[in-house]
């Protein structure tokens, strides 16, 4: 079982969108996938309850995450944890038990600067669990821009974590798919968003399984 946490203390960076699309994509590949929705807003739960199948299991959880994950060892392939903004305690509980932490960041200098609190929290967690792998993910960006490339380099230089090669752009397909409780992988396989999620999934699987 692998545990993947989406973490950023700043809201609006696309954590729930990424969690939902990644979980559905893995489910479509016959991986037993569970989402822990730790955000009181329940964005993942509200989206996935529109589905008529059980492709992805999802539960709300707000405390003792590092203990709760142990209950699923042996029957779940991947747990994806969607964390809330402005809640360091919940995020720390999720991060400390993770194999991989992904920090989504938008292509804005303000977003790069505001990521520091999340980076500090992750570094503290790595003192307890030094095996945690950490990557930035450029999220909700304008694709193939010089600005995105420059901010990626700024992130790397400022905080020392690597950047995932996959990127999640600000595409309408993500919003449309979520209306129906779907991921872009099933909503429109021809859309560029589906390619993004496929690339992200492949890169993540390579990281956590090697």
C-alpha atoms as a PDB file:
ATOM      1  CA  UNK A   1       0.000   0.000   0.000  1.00  0.00           C
ATOM      2  CA  UNK A   2       1.267   3.452  -0.932  1.00  0.00           C
ATOM      3  CA  UNK A   3       0.113   6.704   0.657  1.00  0.00           C
ATOM      4  CA  UNK A   4       0.115   9.895  -1.405  1.00  0.00           C
ATOM      5  CA  UNK A   5      -0.741  13.229   0.207  1.00  0.00           C
ATOM      6  CA  UNK A   6      -1.704  16.473  -1.535  1.00  0.00           C
ATOM      7  CA  UNK A   7      -0.523  19.254   0.728  1.00  0.00           C
ATOM      8  CA  UNK A   8      -0.476  23.023   0.634  1.00  0.00           C
ATOM      9  CA  UNK A   9      -1.597  25.363   3.390  1.00  0.00           C
ATOM     10  CA  UNK A  10      -2.800  27.759   0.722  1.00  0.00           C
ATOM     11  CA  UNK A  11      -6.254  27.103  -0.688  1.00  0.00           C
ATOM     12  CA  UNK A  12      -7.195  27.201  -4.354  1.00  0.00           C
ATOM     13  CA  UNK A  13      -4.178  25.335  -5.703  1.00  0.00           C
ATOM     14  CA  UNK A  14      -6.162  22.362  -7.015  1.00  0.00           C
ATOM     15  CA  UNK A  15      -5.535  19.699  -4.353  1.00  0.00           C
ATOM     16  CA  UNK A  16      -9.050  18.232  -4.487  1.00  0.00           C
ATOM     17  CA  UNK A  17      -9.150  18.255  -8.288  1.00  0.00           C
ATOM     18  CA  UNK A  18      -5.841  16.409  -8.432  1.00  0.00           C
ATOM     19  CA  UNK A  19      -6.851  13.913  -5.729  1.00  0.00           C
ATOM     20  CA  UNK A  20     -10.120  13.057  -7.481  1.00  0.00           C
ATOM     21  CA  UNK A  21      -8.614  12.723 -10.953  1.00  0.00           C
ATOM     22  CA  UNK A  22      -5.640  10.706  -9.753  1.00  0.00           C
ATOM     23  CA  UNK A  23      -7.845   8.335  -7.731  1.00  0.00           C
ATOM     24  CA  UNK A  24     -10.260   7.761 -10.623  1.00  0.00           C
ATOM     25  CA  UNK A  25      -7.406   7.235 -13.058  1.00  0.00           C
ATOM     26  CA  UNK A  26      -5.882   4.583 -10.785  1.00  0.00           C
ATOM     27  CA  UNK A  27      -9.295   2.985 -10.270  1.00  0.00           C
ATOM     28  CA  UNK A  28      -9.743   2.694 -14.019  1.00  0.00           C
ATOM     29  CA  UNK A  29      -6.444   0.796 -14.060  1.00  0.00           C
ATOM     30  CA  UNK A  30      -7.872  -1.724 -11.574  1.00  0.00           C
ATOM     31  CA  UNK A  31      -5.987  -0.339  -8.588  1.00  0.00           C
ATOM     32  CA  UNK A  32      -7.874  -0.400  -5.285  1.00  0.00           C
ATOM     33  CA  UNK A  33      -7.863   3.263  -4.381  1.00  0.00           C
ATOM     34  CA  UNK A  34      -9.138   5.134  -1.334  1.00  0.00           C
ATOM     35  CA  UNK A  35      -9.405   8.879  -0.761  1.00  0.00           C
ATOM     36  CA  UNK A  36      -9.158  10.323   2.727  1.00  0.00           C
ATOM     37  CA  UNK A  37     -11.054  13.625   2.553  1.00  0.00           C
ATOM     38  CA  UNK A  38      -9.691  15.578   5.512  1.00  0.00           C
ATOM     39  CA  UNK A  39     -11.156  18.919   4.423  1.00  0.00           C
ATOM     40  CA  UNK A  40     -14.326  19.908   6.354  1.00  0.00           C
ATOM     41  CA  UNK A  41     -15.670  21.356   3.089  1.00  0.00           C
ATOM     42  CA  UNK A  42     -15.797  17.788   1.777  1.00  0.00           C
ATOM     43  CA  UNK A  43     -15.078  18.679  -1.845  1.00  0.00           C
ATOM     44  CA  UNK A  44     -13.999  15.159  -2.793  1.00  0.00           C
ATOM     45  CA  UNK A  45     -16.990  13.561  -1.081  1.00  0.00           C
ATOM     46  CA  UNK A  46     -19.458  15.984  -2.659  1.00  0.00           C
ATOM     47  CA  UNK A  47     -18.015  15.276  -6.098  1.00  0.00           C
ATOM     48  CA  UNK A  48     -17.756  11.506  -5.901  1.00  0.00           C
ATOM     49  CA  UNK A  49     -21.209  10.978  -4.390  1.00  0.00           C
ATOM     50  CA  UNK A  50     -22.539  11.800  -7.877  1.00  0.00           C
ATOM     51  CA  UNK A  51     -21.141   8.491  -9.099  1.00  0.00           C
ATOM     52  CA  UNK A  52     -23.263   5.347  -9.304  1.00  0.00           C
ATOM     53  CA  UNK A  53     -20.316   2.959  -8.891  1.00  0.00           C
ATOM     54  CA  UNK A  54     -17.702   2.220  -6.246  1.00  0.00           C
ATOM     55  CA  UNK A  55     -14.661   2.718  -8.439  1.00  0.00           C
ATOM     56  CA  UNK A  56     -13.058   4.846  -5.722  1.00  0.00           C
ATOM     57  CA  UNK A  57     -13.699   4.441  -2.013  1.00  0.00           C
ATOM     58  CA  UNK A  58     -13.790   7.660   0.006  1.00  0.00           C
ATOM     59  CA  UNK A  59     -14.115   8.439   3.698  1.00  0.00           C
ATOM     60  CA  UNK A  60     -14.071  11.668   5.716  1.00  0.00           C
ATOM     61  CA  UNK A  61     -11.416  11.764   8.400  1.00  0.00           C
ATOM     62  CA  UNK A  62     -10.238  14.664  10.514  1.00  0.00           C
ATOM     63  CA  UNK A  63      -7.842  13.246  13.121  1.00  0.00           C
ATOM     64  CA  UNK A  64      -5.337  10.444  13.797  1.00  0.00           C
ATOM     65  CA  UNK A  65      -4.773   9.934  10.082  1.00  0.00           C
ATOM     66  CA  UNK A  66      -1.447   8.205  10.687  1.00  0.00           C
ATOM     67  CA  UNK A  67      -3.292   5.574  12.735  1.00  0.00           C
ATOM     68  CA  UNK A  68      -6.291   5.240  10.419  1.00  0.00           C
ATOM     69  CA  UNK A  69      -4.189   4.298   7.395  1.00  0.00           C
ATOM     70  CA  UNK A  70      -2.991   1.150   9.154  1.00  0.00           C
ATOM     71  CA  UNK A  71      -6.503  -0.338   8.947  1.00  0.00           C
ATOM     72  CA  UNK A  72      -6.251  -0.595   5.150  1.00  0.00           C
ATOM     73  CA  UNK A  73      -2.903  -2.338   4.839  1.00  0.00           C
ATOM     74  CA  UNK A  74      -3.262  -5.367   2.596  1.00  0.00           C
ATOM     75  CA  UNK A  75      -6.595  -4.489   0.976  1.00  0.00           C
ATOM     76  CA  UNK A  76      -5.942  -1.082  -0.623  1.00  0.00           C
ATOM     77  CA  UNK A  77      -3.266  -0.328  -3.224  1.00  0.00           C
ATOM     78  CA  UNK A  78      -3.235   3.466  -2.898  1.00  0.00           C
ATOM     79  CA  UNK A  79      -4.508   5.926  -0.323  1.00  0.00           C
ATOM     80  CA  UNK A  80      -4.720   9.512  -1.548  1.00  0.00           C
ATOM     81  CA  UNK A  81      -5.085  12.137   1.160  1.00  0.00           C
ATOM     82  CA  UNK A  82      -6.658  15.493   0.306  1.00  0.00           C
ATOM     83  CA  UNK A  83      -5.672  17.963   3.016  1.00  0.00           C
ATOM     84  CA  UNK A  84      -7.403  21.213   4.013  1.00  0.00           C
ATOM     85  CA  UNK A  85      -5.833  24.668   3.851  1.00  0.00           C
ATOM     86  CA  UNK A  86      -4.899  26.491   7.050  1.00  0.00           C
ATOM     87  CA  UNK A  87      -4.861  23.335   9.205  1.00  0.00           C
ATOM     88  CA  UNK A  88      -1.312  22.439  10.103  1.00  0.00           C
ATOM     89  CA  UNK A  89      -2.211  19.704  12.583  1.00  0.00           C
ATOM     90  CA  UNK A  90      -4.283  17.670  10.106  1.00  0.00           C
ATOM     91  CA  UNK A  91      -1.733  18.172   7.370  1.00  0.00           C
ATOM     92  CA  UNK A  92       1.119  17.081   9.637  1.00  0.00           C
ATOM     93  CA  UNK A  93      -0.752  13.897  10.572  1.00  0.00           C
ATOM     94  CA  UNK A  94      -1.199  13.089   6.879  1.00  0.00           C
ATOM     95  CA  UNK A  95       2.320  13.992   5.797  1.00  0.00           C
ATOM     96  CA  UNK A  96       4.098  11.988   8.473  1.00  0.00           C
ATOM     97  CA  UNK A  97       2.610   8.678   7.291  1.00  0.00           C
ATOM     98  CA  UNK A  98       3.051   9.345   3.561  1.00  0.00           C
ATOM     99  CA  UNK A  99       5.277   7.683   1.011  1.00  0.00           C
ATOM    100  CA  UNK A 100       4.940  10.712  -1.265  1.00  0.00           C
ATOM    101  CA  UNK A 101       3.888  14.303  -0.613  1.00  0.00           C
ATOM    102  CA  UNK A 102       2.886  16.417  -3.593  1.00  0.00           C
ATOM    103  CA  UNK A 103       2.755  20.178  -3.102  1.00  0.00           C
ATOM    104  CA  UNK A 104       0.653  21.781  -5.872  1.00  0.00           C
ATOM    105  CA  UNK A 105       1.668  25.364  -6.611  1.00  0.00           C
ATOM    106  CA  UNK A 106       0.128  27.830  -9.056  1.00  0.00           C
ATOM    107  CA  UNK A 107       2.287  29.894 -11.411  1.00  0.00           C
ATOM    108  CA  UNK A 108       2.292  33.026  -9.300  1.00  0.00           C
ATOM    109  CA  UNK A 109       5.158  34.572  -7.296  1.00  0.00           C
ATOM    110  CA  UNK A 110       2.745  35.033  -4.376  1.00  0.00           C
ATOM    111  CA  UNK A 111       1.921  31.322  -4.421  1.00  0.00           C
ATOM    112  CA  UNK A 112       5.598  30.419  -4.461  1.00  0.00           C
ATOM    113  CA  UNK A 113       6.232  32.583  -1.400  1.00  0.00           C
ATOM    114  CA  UNK A 114       3.165  31.362   0.495  1.00  0.00           C
ATOM    115  CA  UNK A 115       4.348  27.765   0.077  1.00  0.00           C
ATOM    116  CA  UNK A 116       7.023  28.271   2.737  1.00  0.00           C
ATOM    117  CA  UNK A 117       4.744  27.284   5.639  1.00  0.00           C
ATOM    118  CA  UNK A 118       3.939  23.980   3.918  1.00  0.00           C
ATOM    119  CA  UNK A 119       7.606  23.317   3.165  1.00  0.00           C
ATOM    120  CA  UNK A 120       8.524  23.983   6.797  1.00  0.00           C
ATOM    121  CA  UNK A 121       5.825  21.566   7.966  1.00  0.00           C
ATOM    122  CA  UNK A 122       7.000  18.866   5.567  1.00  0.00           C
ATOM    123  CA  UNK A 123      10.617  19.286   6.642  1.00  0.00           C
ATOM    124  CA  UNK A 124       9.575  18.868  10.272  1.00  0.00           C
ATOM    125  CA  UNK A 125       7.694  15.678   9.388  1.00  0.00           C
ATOM    126  CA  UNK A 126      10.752  14.323   7.562  1.00  0.00           C
ATOM    127  CA  UNK A 127      12.719  14.537  10.792  1.00  0.00           C
ATOM    128  CA  UNK A 128      10.362  11.872  12.140  1.00  0.00           C
ATOM    129  CA  UNK A 129       9.951   9.966   8.845  1.00  0.00           C
ATOM    130  CA  UNK A 130      12.996  10.656   6.650  1.00  0.00           C
ATOM    131  CA  UNK A 131      11.766   8.306   3.893  1.00  0.00           C
ATOM    132  CA  UNK A 132       9.025  10.712   2.739  1.00  0.00           C
ATOM    133  CA  UNK A 133       9.509  11.753  -0.884  1.00  0.00           C
ATOM    134  CA  UNK A 134       8.453  15.324  -1.706  1.00  0.00           C
ATOM    135  CA  UNK A 135       7.780  16.977  -5.052  1.00  0.00           C
ATOM    136  CA  UNK A 136       6.236  20.210  -6.248  1.00  0.00           C
ATOM    137  CA  UNK A 137       3.531  20.045  -8.918  1.00  0.00           C
ATOM    138  CA  UNK A 138       2.753  23.047 -11.100  1.00  0.00           C
ATOM    139  CA  UNK A 139      -1.034  23.258 -10.893  1.00  0.00           C
ATOM    140  CA  UNK A 140      -3.704  25.365 -12.578  1.00  0.00           C
ATOM    141  CA  UNK A 141      -1.039  26.947 -14.738  1.00  0.00           C
ATOM    142  CA  UNK A 142      -1.101  28.462 -18.186  1.00  0.00           C
ATOM    143  CA  UNK A 143       0.693  25.672 -20.069  1.00  0.00           C
ATOM    144  CA  UNK A 144       3.980  26.010 -21.925  1.00  0.00           C
ATOM    145  CA  UNK A 145       4.781  29.502 -20.721  1.00  0.00           C
ATOM    146  CA  UNK A 146       8.153  30.994 -19.851  1.00  0.00           C
ATOM    147  CA  UNK A 147       6.645  32.175 -16.558  1.00  0.00           C
ATOM    148  CA  UNK A 148       5.780  28.616 -15.491  1.00  0.00           C
ATOM    149  CA  UNK A 149       9.307  27.407 -16.261  1.00  0.00           C
ATOM    150  CA  UNK A 150      10.901  30.305 -14.397  1.00  0.00           C
ATOM    151  CA  UNK A 151       8.692  29.804 -11.347  1.00  0.00           C
ATOM    152  CA  UNK A 152       9.480  26.096 -11.347  1.00  0.00           C
ATOM    153  CA  UNK A 153      13.157  26.945 -11.187  1.00  0.00           C
ATOM    154  CA  UNK A 154      12.464  29.490  -8.426  1.00  0.00           C
ATOM    155  CA  UNK A 155      10.661  26.807  -6.404  1.00  0.00           C
ATOM    156  CA  UNK A 156      13.566  24.415  -6.802  1.00  0.00           C
ATOM    157  CA  UNK A 157      16.179  26.986  -5.841  1.00  0.00           C
ATOM    158  CA  UNK A 158      14.201  28.383  -2.905  1.00  0.00           C
ATOM    159  CA  UNK A 159      13.031  25.174  -1.256  1.00  0.00           C
ATOM    160  CA  UNK A 160      15.226  22.385  -2.616  1.00  0.00           C
ATOM    161  CA  UNK A 161      12.501  19.960  -3.652  1.00  0.00           C
ATOM    162  CA  UNK A 162      12.297  18.600  -7.183  1.00  0.00           C
ATOM    163  CA  UNK A 163       9.455  19.492  -9.567  1.00  0.00           C
ATOM    164  CA  UNK A 164       7.298  16.819 -11.175  1.00  0.00           C
ATOM    165  CA  UNK A 165       7.659  16.798 -14.950  1.00  0.00           C
ATOM    166  CA  UNK A 166       3.885  16.456 -15.317  1.00  0.00           C
ATOM    167  CA  UNK A 167       1.855  19.652 -15.038  1.00  0.00           C
ATOM    168  CA  UNK A 168      -1.824  20.346 -14.453  1.00  0.00           C
ATOM    169  CA  UNK A 169      -3.093  23.241 -16.549  1.00  0.00           C
ATOM    170  CA  UNK A 170      -6.106  25.454 -15.930  1.00  0.00           C
ATOM    171  CA  UNK A 171      -8.473  23.597 -18.285  1.00  0.00           C
ATOM    172  CA  UNK A 172     -12.266  23.668 -18.535  1.00  0.00           C
ATOM    173  CA  UNK A 173     -12.391  19.857 -18.785  1.00  0.00           C
ATOM    174  CA  UNK A 174     -11.511  19.483 -15.093  1.00  0.00           C
ATOM    175  CA  UNK A 175     -14.495  21.592 -14.087  1.00  0.00           C
ATOM    176  CA  UNK A 176     -16.934  19.913 -16.459  1.00  0.00           C
ATOM    177  CA  UNK A 177     -15.906  16.425 -15.396  1.00  0.00           C
ATOM    178  CA  UNK A 178     -16.404  17.182 -11.718  1.00  0.00           C
ATOM    179  CA  UNK A 179     -19.984  18.319 -12.344  1.00  0.00           C
ATOM    180  CA  UNK A 180     -20.765  14.673 -13.109  1.00  0.00           C
ATOM    181  CA  UNK A 181     -18.488  13.170 -10.489  1.00  0.00           C
ATOM    182  CA  UNK A 182     -16.042  12.059 -13.148  1.00  0.00           C
ATOM    183  CA  UNK A 183     -12.348  12.330 -13.791  1.00  0.00           C
ATOM    184  CA  UNK A 184     -11.067  13.732 -17.066  1.00  0.00           C
ATOM    185  CA  UNK A 185      -9.722  10.259 -17.909  1.00  0.00           C
ATOM    186  CA  UNK A 186     -13.297   9.063 -18.434  1.00  0.00           C
ATOM    187  CA  UNK A 187     -15.047  12.338 -19.271  1.00  0.00           C
ATOM    188  CA  UNK A 188     -13.104  13.042 -22.472  1.00  0.00           C
ATOM    189  CA  UNK A 189     -10.079  10.854 -23.211  1.00  0.00           C
ATOM    190  CA  UNK A 190      -9.168  13.072 -26.180  1.00  0.00           C
ATOM    191  CA  UNK A 191      -8.812  16.227 -24.088  1.00  0.00           C
ATOM    192  CA  UNK A 192      -5.348  17.437 -23.125  1.00  0.00           C
ATOM    193  CA  UNK A 193      -6.408  17.229 -19.462  1.00  0.00           C
ATOM    194  CA  UNK A 194      -6.680  13.428 -19.764  1.00  0.00           C
ATOM    195  CA  UNK A 195      -3.109  13.322 -21.071  1.00  0.00           C
ATOM    196  CA  UNK A 196      -1.964  15.443 -18.127  1.00  0.00           C
ATOM    197  CA  UNK A 197      -3.513  13.097 -15.580  1.00  0.00           C
ATOM    198  CA  UNK A 198      -2.102  10.065 -17.376  1.00  0.00           C
ATOM    199  CA  UNK A 199       1.387  11.602 -17.316  1.00  0.00           C
ATOM    200  CA  UNK A 200       1.018  12.578 -13.663  1.00  0.00           C
ATOM    201  CA  UNK A 201      -0.155   9.099 -12.677  1.00  0.00           C
ATOM    202  CA  UNK A 202       2.689   7.401 -14.545  1.00  0.00           C
ATOM    203  CA  UNK A 203       5.295   9.663 -12.947  1.00  0.00           C
ATOM    204  CA  UNK A 204       3.868   9.186  -9.456  1.00  0.00           C
ATOM    205  CA  UNK A 205       3.733   5.387  -9.831  1.00  0.00           C
ATOM    206  CA  UNK A 206       7.375   5.356 -10.904  1.00  0.00           C
ATOM    207  CA  UNK A 207       8.345   7.385  -7.853  1.00  0.00           C
ATOM    208  CA  UNK A 208       6.442   5.433  -5.193  1.00  0.00           C
ATOM    209  CA  UNK A 209       7.178   1.971  -6.582  1.00  0.00           C
ATOM    210  CA  UNK A 210      10.942   2.345  -6.957  1.00  0.00           C
END
